[in-house]
Amino acid sequence: LEKVTTPFPRITYDDAVEFLKEQGFD
C-alpha cells in the first residue's frame, strides 16, 4: 500500500488486449 503514489500507470484497452495475448490469454 505504501507504493501507491501518483501518477498511476495507464494502458489503453487496445494495448491491454495485446498484452493479454502475449501473456497467453487466447
PDB file of all heavy atoms in Angstrom:
ATOM      1  N   LEU A   1       0.824  -1.209   0.000  1.00  0.00           N
ATOM      2  CA  LEU A   1       0.000   0.000   0.000  1.00  0.00           C
ATOM      3  C   LEU A   1       0.859   1.260   0.000  1.00  0.00           C
ATOM      4  O   LEU A   1       0.460   2.290  -0.557  1.00  0.00           O
ATOM      5  CB  LEU A   1      -0.937   0.002   1.215  1.00  0.00           C
ATOM      6  CG  LEU A   1      -1.955  -1.140   1.297  1.00  0.00           C
ATOM      7  CD1 LEU A   1      -2.793  -0.998   2.559  1.00  0.00           C
ATOM      8  CD2 LEU A   1      -2.837  -1.173   0.056  1.00  0.00           C
ATOM      9  N   GLU A   2       2.015   1.172   0.619  1.00  0.00           N
ATOM     10  CA  GLU A   2       2.897   2.340   0.682  1.00  0.00           C
ATOM     11  C   GLU A   2       3.465   2.708  -0.690  1.00  0.00           C
ATOM     12  O   GLU A   2       3.945   3.819  -0.891  1.00  0.00           O
ATOM     13  CB  GLU A   2       4.038   2.069   1.674  1.00  0.00           C
ATOM     14  CG  GLU A   2       3.578   2.096   3.125  1.00  0.00           C
ATOM     15  CD  GLU A   2       4.528   1.377   4.068  1.00  0.00           C
ATOM     16  OE1 GLU A   2       5.572   0.892   3.596  1.00  0.00           O
ATOM     17  OE2 GLU A   2       4.210   1.293   5.272  1.00  0.00           O
ATOM     18  N   LYS A   3       3.381   1.804  -1.647  1.00  0.00           N
ATOM     19  CA  LYS A   3       3.853   2.079  -3.006  1.00  0.00           C
ATOM     20  C   LYS A   3       2.855   2.918  -3.805  1.00  0.00           C
ATOM     21  O   LYS A   3       3.182   3.389  -4.900  1.00  0.00           O
ATOM     22  CB  LYS A   3       4.095   0.766  -3.757  1.00  0.00           C
ATOM     23  CG  LYS A   3       5.217  -0.088  -3.202  1.00  0.00           C
ATOM     24  CD  LYS A   3       5.328  -1.369  -4.014  1.00  0.00           C
ATOM     25  CE  LYS A   3       6.423  -2.281  -3.478  1.00  0.00           C
ATOM     26  NZ  LYS A   3       6.467  -3.559  -4.255  1.00  0.00           N
ATOM     27  N   VAL A   4       1.646   3.082  -3.284  1.00  0.00           N
ATOM     28  CA  VAL A   4       0.586   3.747  -4.041  1.00  0.00           C
ATOM     29  C   VAL A   4       0.808   5.253  -4.041  1.00  0.00           C
ATOM     30  O   VAL A   4       0.464   5.962  -3.093  1.00  0.00           O
ATOM     31  CB  VAL A   4      -0.805   3.397  -3.464  1.00  0.00           C
ATOM     32  CG1 VAL A   4      -1.903   4.125  -4.240  1.00  0.00           C
ATOM     33  CG2 VAL A   4      -1.028   1.894  -3.507  1.00  0.00           C
ATOM     34  N   THR A   5       1.413   5.741  -5.104  1.00  0.00           N
ATOM     35  CA  THR A   5       1.657   7.168  -5.278  1.00  0.00           C
ATOM     36  C   THR A   5       1.312   7.556  -6.714  1.00  0.00           C
ATOM     37  O   THR A   5       1.329   6.719  -7.620  1.00  0.00           O
ATOM     38  CB  THR A   5       3.130   7.535  -5.002  1.00  0.00           C
ATOM     39  OG1 THR A   5       3.985   6.731  -5.844  1.00  0.00           O
ATOM     40  CG2 THR A   5       3.497   7.289  -3.545  1.00  0.00           C
ATOM     41  N   THR A   6       1.004   8.837  -6.908  1.00  0.00           N
ATOM     42  CA  THR A   6       0.703   9.333  -8.248  1.00  0.00           C
ATOM     43  C   THR A   6       2.000   9.594  -9.006  1.00  0.00           C
ATOM     44  O   THR A   6       3.036   9.852  -8.383  1.00  0.00           O
ATOM     45  CB  THR A   6      -0.105  10.628  -8.176  1.00  0.00           C
ATOM     46  OG1 THR A   6       0.671  11.609  -7.455  1.00  0.00           O
ATOM     47  CG2 THR A   6      -1.431  10.415  -7.460  1.00  0.00           C
ATOM     48  N   PRO A   7       1.946   9.549 -10.341  1.00  0.00           N
ATOM     49  CA  PRO A   7       0.794   9.179 -11.172  1.00  0.00           C
ATOM     50  C   PRO A   7       0.646   7.666 -11.294  1.00  0.00           C
ATOM     51  O   PRO A   7       1.625   6.931 -11.146  1.00  0.00           O
ATOM     52  CB  PRO A   7       1.149   9.805 -12.524  1.00  0.00           C
ATOM     53  CG  PRO A   7       2.650   9.732 -12.579  1.00  0.00           C
ATOM     54  CD  PRO A   7       3.111   9.975 -11.162  1.00  0.00           C
ATOM     55  N   PHE A   8      -0.583   7.216 -11.562  1.00  0.00           N
ATOM     56  CA  PHE A   8      -0.815   5.794 -11.781  1.00  0.00           C
ATOM     57  C   PHE A   8      -0.495   5.448 -13.233  1.00  0.00           C
ATOM     58  O   PHE A   8      -0.690   6.265 -14.133  1.00  0.00           O
ATOM     59  CB  PHE A   8      -2.282   5.435 -11.510  1.00  0.00           C
ATOM     60  CG  PHE A   8      -2.704   5.604 -10.076  1.00  0.00           C
ATOM     61  CD1 PHE A   8      -4.058   5.591  -9.746  1.00  0.00           C
ATOM     62  CD2 PHE A   8      -1.787   5.768  -9.048  1.00  0.00           C
ATOM     63  CE1 PHE A   8      -4.472   5.738  -8.429  1.00  0.00           C
ATOM     64  CE2 PHE A   8      -2.183   5.919  -7.730  1.00  0.00           C
ATOM     65  CZ  PHE A   8      -3.539   5.903  -7.425  1.00  0.00           C
ATOM     66  N   PRO A   9      -0.006   4.248 -13.473  1.00  0.00           N
ATOM     67  CA  PRO A   9       0.220   3.825 -14.863  1.00  0.00           C
ATOM     68  C   PRO A   9      -1.094   3.767 -15.645  1.00  0.00           C
ATOM     69  O   PRO A   9      -2.169   3.550 -15.057  1.00  0.00           O
ATOM     70  CB  PRO A   9       0.842   2.435 -14.721  1.00  0.00           C
ATOM     71  CG  PRO A   9       0.485   1.971 -13.351  1.00  0.00           C
ATOM     72  CD  PRO A   9       0.366   3.194 -12.506  1.00  0.00           C
ATOM     73  N   ARG A  10      -0.994   3.975 -16.957  1.00  0.00           N
ATOM     74  CA  ARG A  10      -2.160   3.933 -17.831  1.00  0.00           C
ATOM     75  C   ARG A  10      -1.861   3.039 -19.026  1.00  0.00           C
ATOM     76  O   ARG A  10      -0.766   3.073 -19.570  1.00  0.00           O
ATOM     77  CB  ARG A  10      -2.531   5.336 -18.320  1.00  0.00           C
ATOM     78  CG  ARG A  10      -2.824   6.310 -17.193  1.00  0.00           C
ATOM     79  CD  ARG A  10      -3.150   7.705 -17.715  1.00  0.00           C
ATOM     80  NE  ARG A  10      -3.271   8.664 -16.607  1.00  0.00           N
ATOM     81  CZ  ARG A  10      -3.619   9.936 -16.761  1.00  0.00           C
ATOM     82  NH1 ARG A  10      -3.868  10.394 -17.987  1.00  0.00           N
ATOM     83  NH2 ARG A  10      -3.705  10.727 -15.709  1.00  0.00           N
ATOM     84  N   ILE A  11      -2.847   2.250 -19.415  1.00  0.00           N
ATOM     85  CA  ILE A  11      -2.708   1.392 -20.579  1.00  0.00           C
ATOM     86  C   ILE A  11      -4.030   1.448 -21.336  1.00  0.00           C
ATOM     87  O   ILE A  11      -5.103   1.400 -20.732  1.00  0.00           O
ATOM     88  CB  ILE A  11      -2.346  -0.062 -20.164  1.00  0.00           C
ATOM     89  CG1 ILE A  11      -2.170  -0.951 -21.394  1.00  0.00           C
ATOM     90  CG2 ILE A  11      -3.376  -0.642 -19.214  1.00  0.00           C
ATOM     91  CD1 ILE A  11      -1.666  -2.362 -21.075  1.00  0.00           C
ATOM     92  N   THR A  12      -3.971   1.585 -22.644  1.00  0.00           N
ATOM     93  CA  THR A  12      -5.208   1.609 -23.416  1.00  0.00           C
ATOM     94  C   THR A  12      -5.790   0.209 -23.510  1.00  0.00           C
ATOM     95  O   THR A  12      -5.087  -0.803 -23.349  1.00  0.00           O
ATOM     96  CB  THR A  12      -4.969   2.133 -24.840  1.00  0.00           C
ATOM     97  OG1 THR A  12      -4.131   1.202 -25.544  1.00  0.00           O
ATOM     98  CG2 THR A  12      -4.324   3.522 -24.824  1.00  0.00           C
ATOM     99  N   TYR A  13      -7.079   0.162 -23.780  1.00  0.00           N
ATOM    100  CA  TYR A  13      -7.742  -1.134 -23.981  1.00  0.00           C
ATOM    101  C   TYR A  13      -7.040  -1.909 -25.093  1.00  0.00           C
ATOM    102  O   TYR A  13      -6.797  -3.120 -24.958  1.00  0.00           O
ATOM    103  CB  TYR A  13      -9.211  -0.901 -24.325  1.00  0.00           C
ATOM    104  CG  TYR A  13      -9.951  -2.157 -24.709  1.00  0.00           C
ATOM    105  CD1 TYR A  13     -10.583  -2.949 -23.760  1.00  0.00           C
ATOM    106  CD2 TYR A  13     -10.016  -2.575 -26.046  1.00  0.00           C
ATOM    107  CE1 TYR A  13     -11.248  -4.119 -24.115  1.00  0.00           C
ATOM    108  CE2 TYR A  13     -10.680  -3.731 -26.414  1.00  0.00           C
ATOM    109  CZ  TYR A  13     -11.294  -4.508 -25.440  1.00  0.00           C
ATOM    110  OH  TYR A  13     -11.951  -5.662 -25.791  1.00  0.00           O
ATOM    111  N   ASP A  14      -6.696  -1.231 -26.195  1.00  0.00           N
ATOM    112  CA  ASP A  14      -6.027  -1.898 -27.323  1.00  0.00           C
ATOM    113  C   ASP A  14      -4.727  -2.558 -26.869  1.00  0.00           C
ATOM    114  O   ASP A  14      -4.457  -3.727 -27.174  1.00  0.00           O
ATOM    115  CB  ASP A  14      -5.710  -0.884 -28.427  1.00  0.00           C
ATOM    116  CG  ASP A  14      -6.968  -0.361 -29.099  1.00  0.00           C
ATOM    117  OD1 ASP A  14      -8.063  -0.816 -28.743  1.00  0.00           O
ATOM    118  OD2 ASP A  14      -6.839   0.504 -29.984  1.00  0.00           O
ATOM    119  N   ASP A  15      -3.926  -1.790 -26.120  1.00  0.00           N
ATOM    120  CA  ASP A  15      -2.649  -2.336 -25.650  1.00  0.00           C
ATOM    121  C   ASP A  15      -2.856  -3.433 -24.616  1.00  0.00           C
ATOM    122  O   ASP A  15      -2.058  -4.379 -24.532  1.00  0.00           O
ATOM    123  CB  ASP A  15      -1.793  -1.212 -25.059  1.00  0.00           C
ATOM    124  CG  ASP A  15      -1.255  -0.264 -26.137  1.00  0.00           C
ATOM    125  OD1 ASP A  15      -1.242  -0.658 -27.310  1.00  0.00           O
ATOM    126  OD2 ASP A  15      -0.873   0.874 -25.787  1.00  0.00           O
ATOM    127  N   ALA A  16      -3.921  -3.311 -23.838  1.00  0.00           N
ATOM    128  CA  ALA A  16      -4.208  -4.341 -22.838  1.00  0.00           C
ATOM    129  C   ALA A  16      -4.538  -5.674 -23.505  1.00  0.00           C
ATOM    130  O   ALA A  16      -4.103  -6.736 -23.051  1.00  0.00           O
ATOM    131  CB  ALA A  16      -5.367  -3.897 -21.940  1.00  0.00           C
ATOM    132  N   VAL A  17      -5.310  -5.617 -24.600  1.00  0.00           N
ATOM    133  CA  VAL A  17      -5.637  -6.847 -25.328  1.00  0.00           C
ATOM    134  C   VAL A  17      -4.364  -7.496 -25.871  1.00  0.00           C
ATOM    135  O   VAL A  17      -4.173  -8.718 -25.755  1.00  0.00           O
ATOM    136  CB  VAL A  17      -6.624  -6.548 -26.473  1.00  0.00           C
ATOM    137  CG1 VAL A  17      -6.778  -7.768 -27.389  1.00  0.00           C
ATOM    138  CG2 VAL A  17      -7.988  -6.149 -25.913  1.00  0.00           C
ATOM    139  N   GLU A  18      -3.488  -6.687 -26.436  1.00  0.00           N
ATOM    140  CA  GLU A  18      -2.227  -7.221 -26.967  1.00  0.00           C
ATOM    141  C   GLU A  18      -1.369  -7.814 -25.853  1.00  0.00           C
ATOM    142  O   GLU A  18      -0.770  -8.880 -26.007  1.00  0.00           O
ATOM    143  CB  GLU A  18      -1.458  -6.112 -27.690  1.00  0.00           C
ATOM    144  CG  GLU A  18      -2.092  -5.685 -28.994  1.00  0.00           C
ATOM    145  CD  GLU A  18      -2.292  -6.840 -29.955  1.00  0.00           C
ATOM    146  OE1 GLU A  18      -1.327  -7.617 -30.150  1.00  0.00           O
ATOM    147  OE2 GLU A  18      -3.412  -6.995 -30.475  1.00  0.00           O
ATOM    148  N   PHE A  19      -1.319  -7.106 -24.730  1.00  0.00           N
ATOM    149  CA  PHE A  19      -0.549  -7.612 -23.579  1.00  0.00           C
ATOM    150  C   PHE A  19      -1.083  -8.966 -23.116  1.00  0.00           C
ATOM    151  O   PHE A  19      -0.309  -9.901 -22.857  1.00  0.00           O
ATOM    152  CB  PHE A  19      -0.612  -6.599 -22.429  1.00  0.00           C
ATOM    153  CG  PHE A  19      -0.103  -7.123 -21.114  1.00  0.00           C
ATOM    154  CD1 PHE A  19       1.263  -7.203 -20.855  1.00  0.00           C
ATOM    155  CD2 PHE A  19      -0.987  -7.559 -20.130  1.00  0.00           C
ATOM    156  CE1 PHE A  19       1.729  -7.697 -19.645  1.00  0.00           C
ATOM    157  CE2 PHE A  19      -0.532  -8.057 -18.921  1.00  0.00           C
ATOM    158  CZ  PHE A  19       0.836  -8.128 -18.676  1.00  0.00           C
ATOM    159  N   LEU A  20      -2.401  -9.077 -23.023  1.00  0.00           N
ATOM    160  CA  LEU A  20      -3.003 -10.332 -22.549  1.00  0.00           C
ATOM    161  C   LEU A  20      -2.717 -11.481 -23.517  1.00  0.00           C
ATOM    162  O   LEU A  20      -2.457 -12.612 -23.087  1.00  0.00           O
ATOM    163  CB  LEU A  20      -4.507 -10.133 -22.356  1.00  0.00           C
ATOM    164  CG  LEU A  20      -4.901  -9.242 -21.174  1.00  0.00           C
ATOM    165  CD1 LEU A  20      -6.387  -8.903 -21.225  1.00  0.00           C
ATOM    166  CD2 LEU A  20      -4.564  -9.909 -19.845  1.00  0.00           C
ATOM    167  N   LYS A  21      -2.780 -11.191 -24.786  1.00  0.00           N
ATOM    168  CA  LYS A  21      -2.470 -12.244 -25.770  1.00  0.00           C
ATOM    169  C   LYS A  21      -1.018 -12.710 -25.617  1.00  0.00           C
ATOM    170  O   LYS A  21      -0.722 -13.910 -25.699  1.00  0.00           O
ATOM    171  CB  LYS A  21      -2.732 -11.729 -27.182  1.00  0.00           C
ATOM    172  CG  LYS A  21      -4.220 -11.618 -27.533  1.00  0.00           C
ATOM    173  CD  LYS A  21      -4.407 -11.169 -28.962  1.00  0.00           C
ATOM    174  CE  LYS A  21      -5.865 -11.138 -29.356  1.00  0.00           C
ATOM    175  NZ  LYS A  21      -6.495 -12.483 -29.321  1.00  0.00           N
ATOM    176  N   GLU A  22      -0.133 -11.748 -25.363  1.00  0.00           N
ATOM    177  CA  GLU A  22       1.277 -12.100 -25.149  1.00  0.00           C
ATOM    178  C   GLU A  22       1.463 -12.940 -23.893  1.00  0.00           C
ATOM    179  O   GLU A  22       2.402 -13.739 -23.793  1.00  0.00           O
ATOM    180  CB  GLU A  22       2.116 -10.824 -25.047  1.00  0.00           C
ATOM    181  CG  GLU A  22       2.235 -10.056 -26.355  1.00  0.00           C
ATOM    182  CD  GLU A  22       2.869  -8.689 -26.161  1.00  0.00           C
ATOM    183  OE1 GLU A  22       3.247  -8.379 -24.998  1.00  0.00           O
ATOM    184  OE2 GLU A  22       2.979  -7.936 -27.138  1.00  0.00           O
ATOM    185  N   GLN A  23       0.564 -12.747 -22.923  1.00  0.00           N
ATOM    186  CA  GLN A  23       0.639 -13.499 -21.677  1.00  0.00           C
ATOM    187  C   GLN A  23      -0.065 -14.854 -21.765  1.00  0.00           C
ATOM    188  O   GLN A  23      -0.184 -15.565 -20.759  1.00  0.00           O
ATOM    189  CB  GLN A  23       0.018 -12.679 -20.540  1.00  0.00           C
ATOM    190  CG  GLN A  23       0.733 -11.368 -20.244  1.00  0.00           C
ATOM    191  CD  GLN A  23       2.154 -11.587 -19.781  1.00  0.00           C
ATOM    192  OE1 GLN A  23       2.415 -12.372 -18.877  1.00  0.00           O
ATOM    193  NE2 GLN A  23       3.105 -10.904 -20.429  1.00  0.00           N
ATOM    194  N   GLY A  24      -0.578 -15.170 -22.949  1.00  0.00           N
ATOM    195  CA  GLY A  24      -1.194 -16.482 -23.132  1.00  0.00           C
ATOM    196  C   GLY A  24      -2.695 -16.512 -22.982  1.00  0.00           C
ATOM    197  O   GLY A  24      -3.298 -17.595 -22.962  1.00  0.00           O
ATOM    198  N   PHE A  25      -3.342 -15.353 -22.886  1.00  0.00           N
ATOM    199  CA  PHE A  25      -4.804 -15.320 -22.788  1.00  0.00           C
ATOM    200  C   PHE A  25      -5.400 -15.315 -24.194  1.00  0.00           C
ATOM    201  O   PHE A  25      -5.778 -14.275 -24.742  1.00  0.00           O
ATOM    202  CB  PHE A  25      -5.252 -14.074 -22.014  1.00  0.00           C
ATOM    203  CG  PHE A  25      -4.954 -14.112 -20.547  1.00  0.00           C
ATOM    204  CD1 PHE A  25      -3.769 -13.576 -20.057  1.00  0.00           C
ATOM    205  CD2 PHE A  25      -5.836 -14.695 -19.656  1.00  0.00           C
ATOM    206  CE1 PHE A  25      -3.478 -13.609 -18.704  1.00  0.00           C
ATOM    207  CE2 PHE A  25      -5.561 -14.737 -18.298  1.00  0.00           C
ATOM    208  CZ  PHE A  25      -4.378 -14.198 -17.816  1.00  0.00           C
ATOM    209  N   ASP A  26      -5.517 -16.496 -24.766  1.00  0.00           N
ATOM    210  CA  ASP A  26      -6.026 -16.611 -26.123  1.00  0.00           C
ATOM    211  C   ASP A  26      -7.540 -16.433 -26.197  1.00  0.00           C
ATOM    212  O   ASP A  26      -8.112 -16.347 -27.292  1.00  0.00           O
ATOM    213  CB  ASP A  26      -5.652 -17.975 -26.707  1.00  0.00           C
ATOM    214  CG  ASP A  26      -4.138 -18.159 -26.785  1.00  0.00           C
ATOM    215  OD1 ASP A  26      -3.435 -17.159 -27.038  1.00  0.00           O
ATOM    216  OD2 ASP A  26      -3.667 -19.303 -26.584  1.00  0.00           O
TER     217      ASP A  26
END
